[in-house]
Amino acid sequence: MATRIPVSGAGRQFVFAKECRQRLPELSLLSGAILSYLAATHEAVPSGFWDRASQPTAGRLRWVLERVHFQDLGALPKELRKEDSPTTHLSEGVLAHRRQKRNKPEPSEASLTA
């Protein structure tokens, strides 16, 4: 039985560190899932004039993406998405993670007299 090579091309990679041995399969599964989703949601691309009934597969999408020069796509927008939750009230930098001293509650006079 033939072994199927992942669509993402991760089958040709060599890693030796313990952490990378776990991350490579994770990344290849993630990229394969993304390619499969994009291929299923977009129009099928024929591979040539002979391909009259093209199927939307991840391999065909990868084949198309290999021929795209990403320099020709232009610059990405400064903000890819608008942040819905405001964060201006939060501290930044060192002040954001520095521990704060707790204010001890002052004992009330009612609890002393009781």
PDB file of N, CA and C in Angstrom:
ATOM      1  N   MET A   1       0.846  -1.173   0.000  1.00  0.00           N
ATOM      2  CA  MET A   1       0.000   0.000   0.000  1.00  0.00           C
ATOM      3  C   MET A   1       0.894   1.240   0.000  1.00  0.00           C
ATOM      4  N   ALA A   2       0.585   2.183  -0.821  1.00  0.00           N
ATOM      5  CA  ALA A   2       1.382   3.404  -0.933  1.00  0.00           C
ATOM      6  C   ALA A   2       1.074   4.345   0.223  1.00  0.00           C
ATOM      7  N   THR A   3       2.101   5.022   0.696  1.00  0.00           N
ATOM      8  CA  THR A   3       1.935   5.999   1.765  1.00  0.00           C
ATOM      9  C   THR A   3       1.584   7.335   1.149  1.00  0.00           C
ATOM     10  N   ARG A   4       0.565   7.968   1.663  1.00  0.00           N
ATOM     11  CA  ARG A   4       0.135   9.247   1.120  1.00  0.00           C
ATOM     12  C   ARG A   4       0.944  10.381   1.739  1.00  0.00           C
ATOM     13  N   ILE A   5       1.519  11.212   0.904  1.00  0.00           N
ATOM     14  CA  ILE A   5       2.297  12.357   1.360  1.00  0.00           C
ATOM     15  C   ILE A   5       1.334  13.500   1.652  1.00  0.00           C
ATOM     16  N   PRO A   6       1.521  14.188   2.791  1.00  0.00           N
ATOM     17  CA  PRO A   6       0.627  15.311   3.095  1.00  0.00           C
ATOM     18  C   PRO A   6       0.656  16.365   1.999  1.00  0.00           C
ATOM     19  N   VAL A   7      -0.454  17.028   1.808  1.00  0.00           N
ATOM     20  CA  VAL A   7      -0.591  18.036   0.755  1.00  0.00           C
ATOM     21  C   VAL A   7       0.306  19.237   1.019  1.00  0.00           C
ATOM     22  N   SER A   8       0.601  19.508   2.274  1.00  0.00           N
ATOM     23  CA  SER A   8       1.342  20.716   2.615  1.00  0.00           C
ATOM     24  C   SER A   8       2.815  20.636   2.263  1.00  0.00           C
ATOM     25  N   GLY A   9       3.336  19.451   1.882  1.00  0.00           N
ATOM     26  CA  GLY A   9       4.747  19.332   1.550  1.00  0.00           C
ATOM     27  C   GLY A   9       5.614  19.038   2.750  1.00  0.00           C
ATOM     28  N   ALA A  10       5.038  18.774   3.903  1.00  0.00           N
ATOM     29  CA  ALA A  10       5.804  18.526   5.118  1.00  0.00           C
ATOM     30  C   ALA A  10       6.448  17.141   5.119  1.00  0.00           C
ATOM     31  N   GLY A  11       6.084  16.283   4.199  1.00  0.00           N
ATOM     32  CA  GLY A  11       6.656  14.944   4.138  1.00  0.00           C
ATOM     33  C   GLY A  11       8.120  14.935   3.749  1.00  0.00           C
ATOM     34  N   ARG A  12       8.611  16.024   3.202  1.00  0.00           N
ATOM     35  CA  ARG A  12      10.006  16.096   2.776  1.00  0.00           C
ATOM     36  C   ARG A  12      10.882  16.841   3.768  1.00  0.00           C
ATOM     37  N   GLN A  13      10.390  17.146   4.932  1.00  0.00           N
ATOM     38  CA  GLN A  13      11.138  17.932   5.904  1.00  0.00           C
ATOM     39  C   GLN A  13      11.829  17.021   6.913  1.00  0.00           C
ATOM     40  N   PHE A  14      12.983  17.450   7.412  1.00  0.00           N
ATOM     41  CA  PHE A  14      13.721  16.713   8.424  1.00  0.00           C
ATOM     42  C   PHE A  14      13.870  17.595   9.646  1.00  0.00           C
ATOM     43  N   VAL A  15      13.523  17.055  10.796  1.00  0.00           N
ATOM     44  CA  VAL A  15      13.675  17.775  12.057  1.00  0.00           C
ATOM     45  C   VAL A  15      14.307  16.823  13.065  1.00  0.00           C
ATOM     46  N   PHE A  16      15.009  17.382  14.039  1.00  0.00           N
ATOM     47  CA  PHE A  16      15.716  16.546  14.994  1.00  0.00           C
ATOM     48  C   PHE A  16      15.404  16.908  16.444  1.00  0.00           C
ATOM     49  N   ALA A  17      15.056  18.145  16.726  1.00  0.00           N
ATOM     50  CA  ALA A  17      14.755  18.536  18.097  1.00  0.00           C
ATOM     51  C   ALA A  17      13.425  17.931  18.528  1.00  0.00           C
ATOM     52  N   LYS A  18      13.311  17.613  19.820  1.00  0.00           N
ATOM     53  CA  LYS A  18      12.088  16.975  20.328  1.00  0.00           C
ATOM     54  C   LYS A  18      10.853  17.836  20.087  1.00  0.00           C
ATOM     55  N   GLU A  19      10.979  19.121  20.334  1.00  0.00           N
ATOM     56  CA  GLU A  19       9.828  20.016  20.165  1.00  0.00           C
ATOM     57  C   GLU A  19       9.414  20.123  18.698  1.00  0.00           C
ATOM     58  N   CYS A  20      10.384  20.139  17.802  1.00  0.00           N
ATOM     59  CA  CYS A  20      10.075  20.237  16.370  1.00  0.00           C
ATOM     60  C   CYS A  20       9.433  18.963  15.848  1.00  0.00           C
ATOM     61  N   ARG A  21       9.784  17.819  16.445  1.00  0.00           N
ATOM     62  CA  ARG A  21       9.175  16.558  16.022  1.00  0.00           C
ATOM     63  C   ARG A  21       7.685  16.529  16.326  1.00  0.00           C
ATOM     64  N   GLN A  22       7.271  17.301  17.294  1.00  0.00           N
ATOM     65  CA  GLN A  22       5.842  17.395  17.576  1.00  0.00           C
ATOM     66  C   GLN A  22       5.185  18.501  16.753  1.00  0.00           C
ATOM     67  N   ARG A  23       5.894  19.600  16.564  1.00  0.00           N
ATOM     68  CA  ARG A  23       5.303  20.743  15.862  1.00  0.00           C
ATOM     69  C   ARG A  23       5.123  20.506  14.369  1.00  0.00           C
ATOM     70  N   LEU A  24       6.036  19.789  13.733  1.00  0.00           N
ATOM     71  CA  LEU A  24       5.933  19.578  12.289  1.00  0.00           C
ATOM     72  C   LEU A  24       4.647  18.847  11.907  1.00  0.00           C
ATOM     73  N   PRO A  25       4.298  17.730  12.556  1.00  0.00           N
ATOM     74  CA  PRO A  25       3.019  17.108  12.208  1.00  0.00           C
ATOM     75  C   PRO A  25       1.819  17.999  12.517  1.00  0.00           C
ATOM     76  N   GLU A  26       1.899  18.754  13.616  1.00  0.00           N
ATOM     77  CA  GLU A  26       0.800  19.667  13.943  1.00  0.00           C
ATOM     78  C   GLU A  26       0.627  20.719  12.860  1.00  0.00           C
ATOM     79  N   LEU A  27       1.733  21.312  12.433  1.00  0.00           N
ATOM     80  CA  LEU A  27       1.668  22.342  11.400  1.00  0.00           C
ATOM     81  C   LEU A  27       1.235  21.772  10.055  1.00  0.00           C
ATOM     82  N   SER A  28       1.678  20.553   9.740  1.00  0.00           N
ATOM     83  CA  SER A  28       1.273  19.974   8.463  1.00  0.00           C
ATOM     84  C   SER A  28      -0.214  19.628   8.461  1.00  0.00           C
ATOM     85  N   LEU A  29      -0.742  19.161   9.593  1.00  0.00           N
ATOM     86  CA  LEU A  29      -2.180  18.899   9.674  1.00  0.00           C
ATOM     87  C   LEU A  29      -2.980  20.192   9.580  1.00  0.00           C
ATOM     88  N   LEU A  30      -2.492  21.234  10.233  1.00  0.00           N
ATOM     89  CA  LEU A  30      -3.170  22.528  10.183  1.00  0.00           C
ATOM     90  C   LEU A  30      -3.155  23.101   8.766  1.00  0.00           C
ATOM     91  N   SER A  31      -1.996  23.066   8.118  1.00  0.00           N
ATOM     92  CA  SER A  31      -1.927  23.618   6.760  1.00  0.00           C
ATOM     93  C   SER A  31      -2.754  22.783   5.783  1.00  0.00           C
ATOM     94  N   GLY A  32      -2.782  21.469   5.973  1.00  0.00           N
ATOM     95  CA  GLY A  32      -3.620  20.626   5.126  1.00  0.00           C
ATOM     96  C   GLY A  32      -5.096  20.915   5.323  1.00  0.00           C
ATOM     97  N   ALA A  33      -5.497  21.175   6.577  1.00  0.00           N
ATOM     98  CA  ALA A  33      -6.897  21.504   6.849  1.00  0.00           C
ATOM     99  C   ALA A  33      -7.270  22.846   6.225  1.00  0.00           C
ATOM    100  N   ILE A  34      -6.369  23.811   6.305  1.00  0.00           N
ATOM    101  CA  ILE A  34      -6.636  25.129   5.717  1.00  0.00           C
ATOM    102  C   ILE A  34      -6.726  25.022   4.195  1.00  0.00           C
ATOM    103  N   LEU A  35      -5.794  24.278   3.582  1.00  0.00           N
ATOM    104  CA  LEU A  35      -5.840  24.100   2.132  1.00  0.00           C
ATOM    105  C   LEU A  35      -7.115  23.382   1.701  1.00  0.00           C
ATOM    106  N   SER A  36      -7.519  22.366   2.445  1.00  0.00           N
ATOM    107  CA  SER A  36      -8.742  21.638   2.102  1.00  0.00           C
ATOM    108  C   SER A  36      -9.966  22.530   2.210  1.00  0.00           C
ATOM    109  N   TYR A  37     -10.006  23.355   3.263  1.00  0.00           N
ATOM    110  CA  TYR A  37     -11.141  24.263   3.435  1.00  0.00           C
ATOM    111  C   TYR A  37     -11.197  25.285   2.305  1.00  0.00           C
ATOM    112  N   LEU A  38     -10.063  25.891   1.990  1.00  0.00           N
ATOM    113  CA  LEU A  38     -10.031  26.892   0.926  1.00  0.00           C
ATOM    114  C   LEU A  38     -10.382  26.276  -0.432  1.00  0.00           C
ATOM    115  N   ALA A  39      -9.896  25.064  -0.672  1.00  0.00           N
ATOM    116  CA  ALA A  39     -10.208  24.404  -1.939  1.00  0.00           C
ATOM    117  C   ALA A  39     -11.693  24.087  -2.040  1.00  0.00           C
ATOM    118  N   ALA A  40     -12.300  23.697  -0.922  1.00  0.00           N
ATOM    119  CA  ALA A  40     -13.718  23.336  -0.944  1.00  0.00           C
ATOM    120  C   ALA A  40     -14.617  24.557  -1.086  1.00  0.00           C
ATOM    121  N   THR A  41     -14.168  25.696  -0.601  1.00  0.00           N
ATOM    122  CA  THR A  41     -15.014  26.884  -0.630  1.00  0.00           C
ATOM    123  C   THR A  41     -14.795  27.761  -1.859  1.00  0.00           C
ATOM    124  N   HIS A  42     -13.759  27.506  -2.633  1.00  0.00           N
ATOM    125  CA  HIS A  42     -13.496  28.294  -3.828  1.00  0.00           C
ATOM    126  C   HIS A  42     -13.762  27.469  -5.086  1.00  0.00           C
ATOM    127  N   GLU A  43     -13.797  28.149  -6.186  1.00  0.00           N
ATOM    128  CA  GLU A  43     -14.062  27.502  -7.468  1.00  0.00           C
ATOM    129  C   GLU A  43     -12.903  26.585  -7.851  1.00  0.00           C
ATOM    130  N   ALA A  44     -13.216  25.442  -8.448  1.00  0.00           N
ATOM    131  CA  ALA A  44     -12.195  24.482  -8.874  1.00  0.00           C
ATOM    132  C   ALA A  44     -11.372  25.068 -10.015  1.00  0.00           C
ATOM    133  N   VAL A  45     -10.078  24.820  -9.977  1.00  0.00           N
ATOM    134  CA  VAL A  45      -9.174  25.332 -11.001  1.00  0.00           C
ATOM    135  C   VAL A  45      -8.782  24.178 -11.914  1.00  0.00           C
ATOM    136  N   PRO A  46      -9.047  24.273 -13.212  1.00  0.00           N
ATOM    137  CA  PRO A  46      -8.642  23.194 -14.114  1.00  0.00           C
ATOM    138  C   PRO A  46      -7.130  23.174 -14.279  1.00  0.00           C
ATOM    139  N   SER A  47      -6.562  21.977 -14.390  1.00  0.00           N
ATOM    140  CA  SER A  47      -5.114  21.863 -14.515  1.00  0.00           C
ATOM    141  C   SER A  47      -4.654  21.958 -15.966  1.00  0.00           C
ATOM    142  N   GLY A  48      -5.570  21.956 -16.917  1.00  0.00           N
ATOM    143  CA  GLY A  48      -5.221  22.096 -18.327  1.00  0.00           C
ATOM    144  C   GLY A  48      -6.476  22.032 -19.190  1.00  0.00           C
ATOM    145  N   PHE A  49      -6.287  22.109 -20.504  1.00  0.00           N
ATOM    146  CA  PHE A  49      -7.442  22.105 -21.403  1.00  0.00           C
ATOM    147  C   PHE A  49      -8.172  20.763 -21.382  1.00  0.00           C
ATOM    148  N   TRP A  50      -7.478  19.695 -20.998  1.00  0.00           N
ATOM    149  CA  TRP A  50      -8.071  18.365 -20.966  1.00  0.00           C
ATOM    150  C   TRP A  50      -8.960  18.144 -19.736  1.00  0.00           C
ATOM    151  N   ASP A  51      -8.840  19.011 -18.766  1.00  0.00           N
ATOM    152  CA  ASP A  51      -9.558  18.849 -17.503  1.00  0.00           C
ATOM    153  C   ASP A  51     -10.931  19.497 -17.620  1.00  0.00           C
ATOM    154  N   ARG A  52     -11.922  18.730 -18.061  1.00  0.00           N
ATOM    155  CA  ARG A  52     -13.252  19.283 -18.292  1.00  0.00           C
ATOM    156  C   ARG A  52     -14.117  19.256 -17.042  1.00  0.00           C
ATOM    157  N   ALA A  53     -13.858  18.343 -16.133  1.00  0.00           N
ATOM    158  CA  ALA A  53     -14.642  18.240 -14.887  1.00  0.00           C
ATOM    159  C   ALA A  53     -13.683  18.351 -13.703  1.00  0.00           C
ATOM    160  N   SER A  54     -13.132  19.535 -13.510  1.00  0.00           N
ATOM    161  CA  SER A  54     -12.148  19.711 -12.443  1.00  0.00           C
ATOM    162  C   SER A  54     -12.824  19.640 -11.071  1.00  0.00           C
ATOM    163  N   GLN A  55     -12.088  19.092 -10.125  1.00  0.00           N
ATOM    164  CA  GLN A  55     -12.574  18.931  -8.766  1.00  0.00           C
ATOM    165  C   GLN A  55     -11.852  19.925  -7.861  1.00  0.00           C
ATOM    166  N   PRO A  56     -12.559  20.490  -6.871  1.00  0.00           N
ATOM    167  CA  PRO A  56     -11.894  21.417  -5.946  1.00  0.00           C
ATOM    168  C   PRO A  56     -11.107  20.658  -4.881  1.00  0.00           C
ATOM    169  N   THR A  57      -9.842  20.378  -5.159  1.00  0.00           N
ATOM    170  CA  THR A  57      -9.010  19.641  -4.216  1.00  0.00           C
ATOM    171  C   THR A  57      -7.891  20.532  -3.693  1.00  0.00           C
ATOM    172  N   ALA A  58      -7.344  20.133  -2.558  1.00  0.00           N
ATOM    173  CA  ALA A  58      -6.255  20.901  -1.949  1.00  0.00           C
ATOM    174  C   ALA A  58      -5.000  20.843  -2.810  1.00  0.00           C
ATOM    175  N   GLY A  59      -4.766  19.736  -3.479  1.00  0.00           N
ATOM    176  CA  GLY A  59      -3.596  19.619  -4.350  1.00  0.00           C
ATOM    177  C   GLY A  59      -3.644  20.592  -5.514  1.00  0.00           C
ATOM    178  N   ARG A  60      -4.814  20.772  -6.107  1.00  0.00           N
ATOM    179  CA  ARG A  60      -4.947  21.737  -7.211  1.00  0.00           C
ATOM    180  C   ARG A  60      -4.742  23.161  -6.725  1.00  0.00           C
ATOM    181  N   LEU A  61      -5.269  23.464  -5.531  1.00  0.00           N
ATOM    182  CA  LEU A  61      -5.074  24.801  -4.976  1.00  0.00           C
ATOM    183  C   LEU A  61      -3.601  25.049  -4.685  1.00  0.00           C
ATOM    184  N   ARG A  62      -2.926  24.055  -4.151  1.00  0.00           N
ATOM    185  CA  ARG A  62      -1.489  24.191  -3.879  1.00  0.00           C
ATOM    186  C   ARG A  62      -0.725  24.374  -5.182  1.00  0.00           C
ATOM    187  N   TRP A  63      -1.130  23.662  -6.230  1.00  0.00           N
ATOM    188  CA  TRP A  63      -0.493  23.783  -7.537  1.00  0.00           C
ATOM    189  C   TRP A  63      -0.626  25.213  -8.066  1.00  0.00           C
ATOM    190  N   VAL A  64      -1.791  25.827  -7.872  1.00  0.00           N
ATOM    191  CA  VAL A  64      -2.013  27.209  -8.303  1.00  0.00           C
ATOM    192  C   VAL A  64      -1.186  28.165  -7.453  1.00  0.00           C
ATOM    193  N   LEU A  65      -1.166  27.938  -6.136  1.00  0.00           N
ATOM    194  CA  LEU A  65      -0.441  28.836  -5.246  1.00  0.00           C
ATOM    195  C   LEU A  65       1.067  28.780  -5.457  1.00  0.00           C
ATOM    196  N   GLU A  66       1.592  27.662  -5.945  1.00  0.00           N
ATOM    197  CA  GLU A  66       3.028  27.567  -6.224  1.00  0.00           C
ATOM    198  C   GLU A  66       3.443  28.515  -7.340  1.00  0.00           C
ATOM    199  N   ARG A  67       2.529  28.875  -8.219  1.00  0.00           N
ATOM    200  CA  ARG A  67       2.836  29.738  -9.352  1.00  0.00           C
ATOM    201  C   ARG A  67       2.585  31.223  -9.075  1.00  0.00           C
ATOM    202  N   VAL A  68       2.124  31.530  -7.876  1.00  0.00           N
ATOM    203  CA  VAL A  68       1.855  32.923  -7.520  1.00  0.00           C
ATOM    204  C   VAL A  68       3.119  33.535  -6.936  1.00  0.00           C
ATOM    205  N   HIS A  69       3.492  34.695  -7.442  1.00  0.00           N
ATOM    206  CA  HIS A  69       4.604  35.451  -6.870  1.00  0.00           C
ATOM    207  C   HIS A  69       4.009  36.410  -5.845  1.00  0.00           C
ATOM    208  N   PHE A  70       4.294  36.138  -4.598  1.00  0.00           N
ATOM    209  CA  PHE A  70       3.667  36.916  -3.534  1.00  0.00           C
ATOM    210  C   PHE A  70       4.134  38.364  -3.507  1.00  0.00           C
ATOM    211  N   GLN A  71       5.250  38.664  -4.154  1.00  0.00           N
ATOM    212  CA  GLN A  71       5.699  40.051  -4.248  1.00  0.00           C
ATOM    213  C   GLN A  71       4.749  40.863  -5.130  1.00  0.00           C
ATOM    214  N   ASP A  72       4.094  40.199  -6.064  1.00  0.00           N
ATOM    215  CA  ASP A  72       3.181  40.890  -6.971  1.00  0.00           C
ATOM    216  C   ASP A  72       1.835  41.208  -6.329  1.00  0.00           C
ATOM    217  N   LEU A  73       1.561  40.618  -5.173  1.00  0.00           N
ATOM    218  CA  LEU A  73       0.278  40.845  -4.519  1.00  0.00           C
ATOM    219  C   LEU A  73       0.180  42.227  -3.868  1.00  0.00           C
ATOM    220  N   GLY A  74       1.303  42.859  -3.621  1.00  0.00           N
ATOM    221  CA  GLY A  74       1.294  44.173  -2.992  1.00  0.00           C
ATOM    222  C   GLY A  74       1.413  44.060  -1.482  1.00  0.00           C
ATOM    223  N   ALA A  75       1.440  45.209  -0.853  1.00  0.00           N
ATOM    224  CA  ALA A  75       1.596  45.244   0.600  1.00  0.00           C
ATOM    225  C   ALA A  75       0.288  44.892   1.291  1.00  0.00           C
ATOM    226  N   LEU A  76       0.424  44.261   2.437  1.00  0.00           N
ATOM    227  CA  LEU A  76      -0.752  43.957   3.244  1.00  0.00           C
ATOM    228  C   LEU A  76      -1.244  45.230   3.918  1.00  0.00           C
ATOM    229  N   PRO A  77      -2.522  45.327   4.211  1.00  0.00           N
ATOM    230  CA  PRO A  77      -3.003  46.498   4.925  1.00  0.00           C
ATOM    231  C   PRO A  77      -2.402  46.557   6.326  1.00  0.00           C
ATOM    232  N   LYS A  78      -2.292  47.771   6.859  1.00  0.00           N
ATOM    233  CA  LYS A  78      -1.674  47.932   8.173  1.00  0.00           C
ATOM    234  C   LYS A  78      -2.461  47.162   9.228  1.00  0.00           C
ATOM    235  N   GLU A  79      -3.774  47.254   9.186  1.00  0.00           N
ATOM    236  CA  GLU A  79      -4.624  46.503  10.089  1.00  0.00           C
ATOM    237  C   GLU A  79      -5.382  45.466   9.281  1.00  0.00           C
ATOM    238  N   LEU A  80      -5.161  44.194   9.593  1.00  0.00           N
ATOM    239  CA  LEU A  80      -5.866  43.141   8.867  1.00  0.00           C
ATOM    240  C   LEU A  80      -7.330  43.065   9.281  1.00  0.00           C
ATOM    241  N   ARG A  81      -7.593  43.329  10.543  1.00  0.00           N
ATOM    242  CA  ARG A  81      -8.971  43.346  11.018  1.00  0.00           C
ATOM    243  C   ARG A  81      -9.102  44.392  12.108  1.00  0.00           C
ATOM    244  N   LYS A  82     -10.302  44.890  12.292  1.00  0.00           N
ATOM    245  CA  LYS A  82     -10.552  45.910  13.291  1.00  0.00           C
ATOM    246  C   LYS A  82     -10.753  45.230  14.639  1.00  0.00           C
ATOM    247  N   GLU A  83     -10.105  45.765  15.652  1.00  0.00           N
ATOM    248  CA  GLU A  83     -10.250  45.205  16.984  1.00  0.00           C
ATOM    249  C   GLU A  83     -11.536  45.740  17.597  1.00  0.00           C
ATOM    250  N   ASP A  84     -12.429  44.841  17.954  1.00  0.00           N
ATOM    251  CA  ASP A  84     -13.726  45.247  18.466  1.00  0.00           C
ATOM    252  C   ASP A  84     -13.677  45.698  19.921  1.00  0.00           C
ATOM    253  N   SER A  85     -12.795  45.104  20.707  1.00  0.00           N
ATOM    254  CA  SER A  85     -12.768  45.458  22.126  1.00  0.00           C
ATOM    255  C   SER A  85     -11.708  46.528  22.382  1.00  0.00           C
ATOM    256  N   PRO A  86     -12.073  47.619  23.017  1.00  0.00           N
ATOM    257  CA  PRO A  86     -11.090  48.668  23.301  1.00  0.00           C
ATOM    258  C   PRO A  86     -10.135  48.218  24.406  1.00  0.00           C
ATOM    259  N   THR A  87      -8.866  48.515  24.235  1.00  0.00           N
ATOM    260  CA  THR A  87      -7.867  48.134  25.239  1.00  0.00           C
ATOM    261  C   THR A  87      -7.072  49.332  25.735  1.00  0.00           C
ATOM    262  N   THR A  88      -7.548  50.529  25.463  1.00  0.00           N
ATOM    263  CA  THR A  88      -6.788  51.707  25.865  1.00  0.00           C
ATOM    264  C   THR A  88      -6.750  51.881  27.376  1.00  0.00           C
ATOM    265  N   HIS A  89      -7.684  51.303  28.104  1.00  0.00           N
ATOM    266  CA  HIS A  89      -7.715  51.448  29.554  1.00  0.00           C
ATOM    267  C   HIS A  89      -6.715  50.528  30.253  1.00  0.00           C
ATOM    268  N   LEU A  90      -6.125  49.574  29.523  1.00  0.00           N
ATOM    269  CA  LEU A  90      -5.176  48.639  30.114  1.00  0.00           C
ATOM    270  C   LEU A  90      -3.775  49.216  30.118  1.00  0.00           C
ATOM    271  N   SER A  91      -2.983  48.809  31.106  1.00  0.00           N
ATOM    272  CA  SER A  91      -1.595  49.247  31.190  1.00  0.00           C
ATOM    273  C   SER A  91      -0.779  48.570  30.110  1.00  0.00           C
ATOM    274  N   GLU A  92       0.337  49.209  29.728  1.00  0.00           N
ATOM    275  CA  GLU A  92       1.203  48.657  28.705  1.00  0.00           C
ATOM    276  C   GLU A  92       2.597  48.463  29.261  1.00  0.00           C
ATOM    277  N   GLY A  93       3.353  47.587  28.624  1.00  0.00           N
ATOM    278  CA  GLY A  93       4.748  47.383  28.980  1.00  0.00           C
ATOM    279  C   GLY A  93       4.921  46.741  30.338  1.00  0.00           C
ATOM    280  N   VAL A  94       5.931  47.233  31.082  1.00  0.00           N
ATOM    281  CA  VAL A  94       6.261  46.659  32.380  1.00  0.00           C
ATOM    282  C   VAL A  94       5.122  46.844  33.371  1.00  0.00           C
ATOM    283  N   LEU A  95       4.419  47.945  33.253  1.00  0.00           N
ATOM    284  CA  LEU A  95       3.342  48.212  34.202  1.00  0.00           C
ATOM    285  C   LEU A  95       2.194  47.211  34.048  1.00  0.00           C
ATOM    286  N   ALA A  96       2.083  46.586  32.905  1.00  0.00           N
ATOM    287  CA  ALA A  96       0.981  45.654  32.676  1.00  0.00           C
ATOM    288  C   ALA A  96       1.144  44.369  33.473  1.00  0.00           C
ATOM    289  N   HIS A  97       2.394  43.953  33.717  1.00  0.00           N
ATOM    290  CA  HIS A  97       2.580  42.686  34.412  1.00  0.00           C
ATOM    291  C   HIS A  97       3.251  42.842  35.777  1.00  0.00           C
ATOM    292  N   ARG A  98       3.540  44.061  36.190  1.00  0.00           N
ATOM    293  CA  ARG A  98       4.163  44.278  37.492  1.00  0.00           C
ATOM    294  C   ARG A  98       3.134  44.032  38.583  1.00  0.00           C
ATOM    295  N   ARG A  99       3.578  43.376  39.651  1.00  0.00           N
ATOM    296  CA  ARG A  99       2.659  43.107  40.760  1.00  0.00           C
ATOM    297  C   ARG A  99       2.331  44.399  41.501  1.00  0.00           C
ATOM    298  N   GLN A 100       1.117  44.484  41.914  1.00  0.00           N
ATOM    299  CA  GLN A 100       0.648  45.643  42.663  1.00  0.00           C
ATOM    300  C   GLN A 100       0.472  45.245  44.122  1.00  0.00           C
ATOM    301  N   LYS A 101       0.832  46.155  45.022  1.00  0.00           N
ATOM    302  CA  LYS A 101       0.599  45.884  46.440  1.00  0.00           C
ATOM    303  C   LYS A 101      -0.888  46.011  46.711  1.00  0.00           C
ATOM    304  N   ARG A 102      -1.379  45.090  47.492  1.00  0.00           N
ATOM    305  CA  ARG A 102      -2.785  45.148  47.847  1.00  0.00           C
ATOM    306  C   ARG A 102      -2.979  46.148  48.979  1.00  0.00           C
ATOM    307  N   ASN A 103      -4.048  46.905  48.888  1.00  0.00           N
ATOM    308  CA  ASN A 103      -4.398  47.807  49.979  1.00  0.00           C
ATOM    309  C   ASN A 103      -5.110  46.990  51.051  1.00  0.00           C
ATOM    310  N   LYS A 104      -4.537  47.019  52.271  1.00  0.00           N
ATOM    311  CA  LYS A 104      -5.162  46.275  53.351  1.00  0.00           C
ATOM    312  C   LYS A 104      -6.413  47.013  53.793  1.00  0.00           C
ATOM    313  N   PRO A 105      -7.503  46.280  53.952  1.00  0.00           N
ATOM    314  CA  PRO A 105      -8.724  46.952  54.417  1.00  0.00           C
ATOM    315  C   PRO A 105      -8.544  47.443  55.849  1.00  0.00           C
ATOM    316  N   GLU A 106      -8.949  48.681  56.064  1.00  0.00           N
ATOM    317  CA  GLU A 106      -8.847  49.237  57.415  1.00  0.00           C
ATOM    318  C   GLU A 106      -9.931  48.637  58.292  1.00  0.00           C
ATOM    319  N   PRO A 107      -9.561  48.251  59.488  1.00  0.00           N
ATOM    320  CA  PRO A 107     -10.591  47.668  60.362  1.00  0.00           C
ATOM    321  C   PRO A 107     -11.618  48.722  60.728  1.00  0.00           C
ATOM    322  N   SER A 108     -12.868  48.342  60.630  1.00  0.00           N
ATOM    323  CA  SER A 108     -13.922  49.294  60.964  1.00  0.00           C
ATOM    324  C   SER A 108     -14.101  49.355  62.476  1.00  0.00           C
ATOM    325  N   GLU A 109     -14.542  50.472  62.941  1.00  0.00           N
ATOM    326  CA  GLU A 109     -14.723  50.652  64.372  1.00  0.00           C
ATOM    327  C   GLU A 109     -15.847  49.789  64.913  1.00  0.00           C
ATOM    328  N   ALA A 110     -16.803  49.431  64.059  1.00  0.00           N
ATOM    329  CA  ALA A 110     -17.929  48.612  64.494  1.00  0.00           C
ATOM    330  C   ALA A 110     -17.463  47.220  64.887  1.00  0.00           C
ATOM    331  N   SER A 111     -16.484  46.680  64.187  1.00  0.00           N
ATOM    332  CA  SER A 111     -16.037  45.322  64.501  1.00  0.00           C
ATOM    333  C   SER A 111     -15.165  45.317  65.743  1.00  0.00           C
ATOM    334  N   LEU A 112     -14.524  46.450  66.094  1.00  0.00           N
ATOM    335  CA  LEU A 112     -13.707  46.516  67.311  1.00  0.00           C
ATOM    336  C   LEU A 112     -14.570  46.607  68.557  1.00  0.00           C
ATOM    337  N   THR A 113     -15.669  47.278  68.488  1.00  0.00           N
ATOM    338  CA  THR A 113     -16.505  47.460  69.662  1.00  0.00           C
ATOM    339  C   THR A 113     -17.386  46.244  69.922  1.00  0.00           C
ATOM    340  N   ALA A 114     -17.589  45.425  68.966  1.00  0.00           N
ATOM    341  CA  ALA A 114     -18.480  44.294  69.170  1.00  0.00           C
ATOM    342  C   ALA A 114     -17.841  43.158  69.915  1.00  0.00           C
TER     343      ALA A 114
END
